[in-house]
Amino acid sequence: MNICEDKIKVFLDRPLPLQESEQQILCPRCGHNELYTGNYFFLNPLSRYAHVYICEKCWMDEALQEIDRQPIPLRIWSAALPLVFSGELPSSMNPTAEEPHP
């Protein structure tokens, strides 16, 4: 199943409440750099393409990619790779998924 960029964007928007709770979390774009927490949380930049916080290095890379008009597709973001490789949305996001019966 080929997942469209819009569905990947919705999937990537989900960690925002977790990020805002100031738990230690890695950048969803690169998967390497930790985001700021505590008193420095406000320093985390928002992505230009998904409503989620990313690290400063990725933010700068997004800006440079935008100048070249060649943004990195959401499907190769670190947080989206499991979704892309599995080829299906998690059951909590898939409206056609059957609900388990008790």
N, C-alpha and C. Protein backbone atom coordinates (compact mmCIF):
# COMPACT_ATOMS: atom_id res chain seq x y z
N MET A 1 0.85 -1.19 0.00
CA MET A 1 0.00 0.00 0.00
C MET A 1 0.89 1.24 0.00
N ASN A 2 0.64 2.11 -0.92
CA ASN A 2 1.39 3.36 -0.99
C ASN A 2 0.63 4.43 -0.22
N ILE A 3 1.24 4.96 0.82
CA ILE A 3 0.58 5.95 1.67
C ILE A 3 0.89 7.35 1.14
N CYS A 4 -0.15 8.16 0.98
CA CYS A 4 0.04 9.51 0.43
C CYS A 4 0.64 10.45 1.48
N GLU A 5 1.21 11.52 1.00
CA GLU A 5 1.86 12.51 1.87
C GLU A 5 0.90 13.12 2.88
N ASP A 6 -0.37 13.29 2.51
CA ASP A 6 -1.35 13.87 3.44
C ASP A 6 -1.56 12.98 4.65
N LYS A 7 -1.64 11.67 4.43
CA LYS A 7 -1.82 10.74 5.55
C LYS A 7 -0.56 10.69 6.41
N ILE A 8 0.60 10.79 5.79
CA ILE A 8 1.84 10.81 6.55
C ILE A 8 1.90 12.08 7.39
N LYS A 9 1.45 13.20 6.83
CA LYS A 9 1.45 14.46 7.59
C LYS A 9 0.56 14.35 8.82
N VAL A 10 -0.62 13.76 8.67
CA VAL A 10 -1.51 13.56 9.81
C VAL A 10 -0.83 12.68 10.86
N PHE A 11 -0.15 11.64 10.41
CA PHE A 11 0.57 10.75 11.32
C PHE A 11 1.68 11.50 12.05
N LEU A 12 2.40 12.36 11.34
CA LEU A 12 3.51 13.10 11.95
C LEU A 12 3.02 14.19 12.90
N ASP A 13 1.80 14.67 12.71
CA ASP A 13 1.25 15.70 13.60
C ASP A 13 0.90 15.15 14.98
N ARG A 14 0.78 13.85 15.12
CA ARG A 14 0.33 13.24 16.38
C ARG A 14 1.29 13.44 17.55
N PRO A 15 2.61 13.50 17.39
CA PRO A 15 3.49 13.64 18.56
C PRO A 15 3.49 15.02 19.20
N LEU A 16 2.83 16.01 18.61
CA LEU A 16 2.88 17.37 19.16
C LEU A 16 2.48 17.44 20.63
N PRO A 17 1.38 16.84 21.07
CA PRO A 17 1.04 16.91 22.50
C PRO A 17 2.12 16.29 23.39
N LEU A 18 2.73 15.21 22.92
CA LEU A 18 3.82 14.59 23.68
C LEU A 18 5.01 15.53 23.76
N GLN A 19 5.32 16.21 22.66
CA GLN A 19 6.41 17.16 22.67
C GLN A 19 6.11 18.32 23.61
N GLU A 20 4.87 18.80 23.60
CA GLU A 20 4.51 19.94 24.44
C GLU A 20 4.46 19.57 25.92
N SER A 21 4.39 18.28 26.23
CA SER A 21 4.41 17.85 27.63
C SER A 21 5.84 17.88 28.18
N GLU A 22 6.77 18.27 27.34
CA GLU A 22 8.17 18.47 27.69
C GLU A 22 8.88 17.19 28.12
N GLN A 23 8.46 16.05 27.56
CA GLN A 23 9.20 14.82 27.76
C GLN A 23 10.38 14.83 26.80
N GLN A 24 11.45 14.16 27.20
CA GLN A 24 12.62 14.09 26.34
C GLN A 24 12.26 13.27 25.11
N ILE A 25 12.42 13.84 23.94
CA ILE A 25 12.03 13.18 22.71
C ILE A 25 13.03 13.53 21.61
N LEU A 26 13.22 12.61 20.67
CA LEU A 26 14.11 12.85 19.55
C LEU A 26 13.37 13.60 18.44
N CYS A 27 14.13 14.25 17.61
CA CYS A 27 13.57 14.96 16.47
C CYS A 27 12.88 13.95 15.55
N PRO A 28 11.61 14.19 15.18
CA PRO A 28 10.91 13.24 14.31
C PRO A 28 11.41 13.26 12.87
N ARG A 29 12.16 14.28 12.51
CA ARG A 29 12.65 14.38 11.13
C ARG A 29 13.94 13.58 10.95
N CYS A 30 14.93 13.81 11.83
CA CYS A 30 16.22 13.13 11.68
C CYS A 30 16.35 11.91 12.60
N GLY A 31 15.66 11.94 13.74
CA GLY A 31 15.74 10.83 14.68
C GLY A 31 17.01 10.79 15.50
N HIS A 32 17.85 11.82 15.39
CA HIS A 32 19.13 11.82 16.10
C HIS A 32 19.18 12.82 17.24
N ASN A 33 18.77 14.03 16.98
CA ASN A 33 18.94 15.11 17.95
C ASN A 33 17.76 15.20 18.91
N GLU A 34 18.06 15.43 20.19
CA GLU A 34 17.01 15.59 21.18
C GLU A 34 16.49 17.02 21.13
N LEU A 35 15.21 17.17 21.40
CA LEU A 35 14.60 18.49 21.45
C LEU A 35 14.81 19.09 22.83
N TYR A 36 14.72 20.42 22.90
CA TYR A 36 14.86 21.11 24.18
C TYR A 36 13.66 20.81 25.08
N THR A 37 13.91 20.77 26.38
CA THR A 37 12.83 20.57 27.35
C THR A 37 12.94 21.63 28.43
N GLY A 38 11.95 21.66 29.30
CA GLY A 38 11.99 22.56 30.45
C GLY A 38 11.91 24.02 30.05
N ASN A 39 12.75 24.83 30.68
CA ASN A 39 12.74 26.28 30.43
C ASN A 39 13.15 26.65 29.02
N TYR A 40 13.78 25.74 28.30
CA TYR A 40 14.27 26.03 26.95
C TYR A 40 13.38 25.43 25.86
N PHE A 41 12.22 24.90 26.24
CA PHE A 41 11.33 24.27 25.27
C PHE A 41 10.94 25.23 24.14
N PHE A 42 10.79 26.50 24.47
CA PHE A 42 10.37 27.49 23.46
C PHE A 42 11.38 27.64 22.33
N LEU A 43 12.58 27.11 22.48
CA LEU A 43 13.60 27.21 21.44
C LEU A 43 13.39 26.19 20.31
N ASN A 44 12.55 25.20 20.53
CA ASN A 44 12.31 24.20 19.49
C ASN A 44 11.54 24.83 18.33
N PRO A 45 12.07 24.72 17.12
CA PRO A 45 11.35 25.28 15.97
C PRO A 45 10.27 24.33 15.45
N LEU A 46 9.20 24.89 14.91
CA LEU A 46 8.17 24.10 14.25
C LEU A 46 8.60 23.82 12.81
N SER A 47 8.27 22.64 12.35
CA SER A 47 8.55 22.29 10.97
C SER A 47 7.71 23.15 10.03
N ARG A 48 8.19 23.34 8.83
CA ARG A 48 7.44 24.09 7.82
C ARG A 48 6.40 23.20 7.14
N TYR A 49 6.54 21.88 7.29
CA TYR A 49 5.71 20.95 6.52
C TYR A 49 4.78 20.08 7.35
N ALA A 50 5.06 19.92 8.62
CA ALA A 50 4.18 19.16 9.53
C ALA A 50 4.09 19.95 10.82
N HIS A 51 2.94 19.88 11.48
CA HIS A 51 2.74 20.64 12.71
C HIS A 51 3.38 19.88 13.87
N VAL A 52 4.71 19.93 13.93
CA VAL A 52 5.48 19.20 14.92
C VAL A 52 6.81 19.93 15.13
N TYR A 53 7.36 19.81 16.33
CA TYR A 53 8.65 20.43 16.60
C TYR A 53 9.78 19.57 16.06
N ILE A 54 10.81 20.22 15.54
CA ILE A 54 11.99 19.53 15.03
C ILE A 54 13.22 20.17 15.65
N CYS A 55 14.39 19.57 15.43
CA CYS A 55 15.62 20.13 15.99
C CYS A 55 16.11 21.31 15.13
N GLU A 56 17.05 22.05 15.67
CA GLU A 56 17.55 23.24 14.96
C GLU A 56 18.23 22.88 13.65
N LYS A 57 18.96 21.76 13.62
CA LYS A 57 19.65 21.36 12.39
C LYS A 57 18.65 21.05 11.28
N CYS A 58 17.59 20.34 11.63
CA CYS A 58 16.57 20.03 10.63
C CYS A 58 15.82 21.28 10.20
N TRP A 59 15.59 22.18 11.13
CA TRP A 59 14.92 23.44 10.79
C TRP A 59 15.74 24.22 9.76
N MET A 60 17.04 24.28 9.98
CA MET A 60 17.92 24.98 9.04
C MET A 60 17.93 24.26 7.69
N ASP A 61 17.97 22.93 7.73
CA ASP A 61 17.96 22.17 6.49
C ASP A 61 16.65 22.39 5.72
N GLU A 62 15.52 22.44 6.44
CA GLU A 62 14.24 22.73 5.79
C GLU A 62 14.26 24.09 5.11
N ALA A 63 14.84 25.08 5.77
CA ALA A 63 14.91 26.42 5.20
C ALA A 63 15.76 26.41 3.92
N LEU A 64 16.89 25.73 3.97
CA LEU A 64 17.76 25.67 2.79
C LEU A 64 17.11 24.88 1.66
N GLN A 65 16.42 23.79 2.00
CA GLN A 65 15.72 23.01 0.98
C GLN A 65 14.60 23.84 0.34
N GLU A 66 13.96 24.68 1.14
CA GLU A 66 12.88 25.51 0.61
C GLU A 66 13.43 26.56 -0.36
N ILE A 67 14.61 27.07 -0.09
CA ILE A 67 15.23 28.03 -1.01
C ILE A 67 15.45 27.37 -2.36
N ASP A 68 15.89 26.10 -2.34
CA ASP A 68 16.10 25.35 -3.58
C ASP A 68 14.80 24.80 -4.17
N ARG A 69 13.69 24.98 -3.43
CA ARG A 69 12.38 24.46 -3.82
C ARG A 69 12.40 22.94 -4.00
N GLN A 70 13.15 22.28 -3.12
CA GLN A 70 13.23 20.82 -3.14
C GLN A 70 13.08 20.28 -1.72
N PRO A 71 11.88 20.40 -1.14
CA PRO A 71 11.71 19.91 0.23
C PRO A 71 11.87 18.39 0.31
N ILE A 72 12.34 17.93 1.44
CA ILE A 72 12.48 16.49 1.66
C ILE A 72 11.08 15.92 1.88
N PRO A 73 10.72 14.86 1.17
CA PRO A 73 9.38 14.29 1.35
C PRO A 73 9.17 13.79 2.77
N LEU A 74 7.95 13.92 3.26
CA LEU A 74 7.64 13.48 4.62
C LEU A 74 7.85 11.98 4.79
N ARG A 75 7.75 11.21 3.70
CA ARG A 75 7.87 9.76 3.82
C ARG A 75 9.27 9.30 4.21
N ILE A 76 10.27 10.17 4.11
CA ILE A 76 11.61 9.75 4.53
C ILE A 76 12.02 10.35 5.87
N TRP A 77 11.08 10.98 6.57
CA TRP A 77 11.35 11.43 7.93
C TRP A 77 11.54 10.20 8.81
N SER A 78 12.37 10.31 9.79
CA SER A 78 12.65 9.20 10.70
C SER A 78 11.38 8.65 11.34
N ALA A 79 10.50 9.52 11.81
CA ALA A 79 9.28 9.08 12.48
C ALA A 79 8.29 8.43 11.53
N ALA A 80 8.40 8.69 10.23
CA ALA A 80 7.45 8.14 9.26
C ALA A 80 7.93 6.84 8.64
N LEU A 81 9.20 6.49 8.80
CA LEU A 81 9.73 5.29 8.14
C LEU A 81 8.99 4.01 8.51
N PRO A 82 8.70 3.76 9.80
CA PRO A 82 7.95 2.53 10.11
C PRO A 82 6.59 2.49 9.42
N LEU A 83 5.94 3.62 9.32
CA LEU A 83 4.65 3.71 8.64
C LEU A 83 4.80 3.39 7.16
N VAL A 84 5.82 3.92 6.54
CA VAL A 84 6.05 3.71 5.11
C VAL A 84 6.43 2.26 4.84
N PHE A 85 7.30 1.68 5.68
CA PHE A 85 7.74 0.30 5.47
C PHE A 85 6.61 -0.69 5.69
N SER A 86 5.75 -0.44 6.67
CA SER A 86 4.64 -1.36 6.92
C SER A 86 3.57 -1.22 5.85
N GLY A 87 3.44 -0.02 5.29
CA GLY A 87 2.48 0.21 4.22
C GLY A 87 1.05 0.40 4.68
N GLU A 88 0.86 0.54 5.99
CA GLU A 88 -0.50 0.75 6.47
C GLU A 88 -0.51 1.66 7.67
N LEU A 89 -1.62 2.36 7.84
CA LEU A 89 -1.78 3.26 8.98
C LEU A 89 -2.04 2.45 10.24
N PRO A 90 -1.64 2.98 11.40
CA PRO A 90 -1.99 2.31 12.66
C PRO A 90 -3.51 2.22 12.78
N SER A 91 -3.99 1.21 13.48
CA SER A 91 -5.44 1.00 13.58
C SER A 91 -6.15 2.20 14.20
N SER A 92 -5.46 2.95 15.06
CA SER A 92 -6.09 4.12 15.68
C SER A 92 -6.31 5.25 14.68
N MET A 93 -5.63 5.21 13.54
CA MET A 93 -5.77 6.25 12.53
C MET A 93 -6.57 5.78 11.32
N ASN A 94 -6.74 4.49 11.18
CA ASN A 94 -7.37 3.93 9.99
C ASN A 94 -8.88 3.81 10.21
N PRO A 95 -9.68 4.63 9.55
CA PRO A 95 -11.13 4.60 9.77
C PRO A 95 -11.79 3.30 9.30
N THR A 96 -11.13 2.55 8.42
CA THR A 96 -11.72 1.31 7.92
C THR A 96 -11.32 0.11 8.76
N ALA A 97 -10.42 0.31 9.72
CA ALA A 97 -9.99 -0.81 10.56
C ALA A 97 -11.14 -1.26 11.45
N GLU A 98 -11.25 -2.54 11.61
CA GLU A 98 -12.31 -3.07 12.45
C GLU A 98 -11.95 -2.91 13.92
N GLU A 99 -12.95 -2.55 14.69
CA GLU A 99 -12.76 -2.41 16.13
C GLU A 99 -12.79 -3.79 16.76
N PRO A 100 -11.89 -4.08 17.71
CA PRO A 100 -11.92 -5.38 18.38
C PRO A 100 -13.18 -5.52 19.22
N HIS A 101 -13.75 -6.69 19.20
CA HIS A 101 -14.97 -6.94 19.98
C HIS A 101 -14.59 -7.52 21.33
N PRO A 102 -15.21 -7.03 22.42
CA PRO A 102 -14.88 -7.55 23.76
C PRO A 102 -15.44 -8.93 24.01
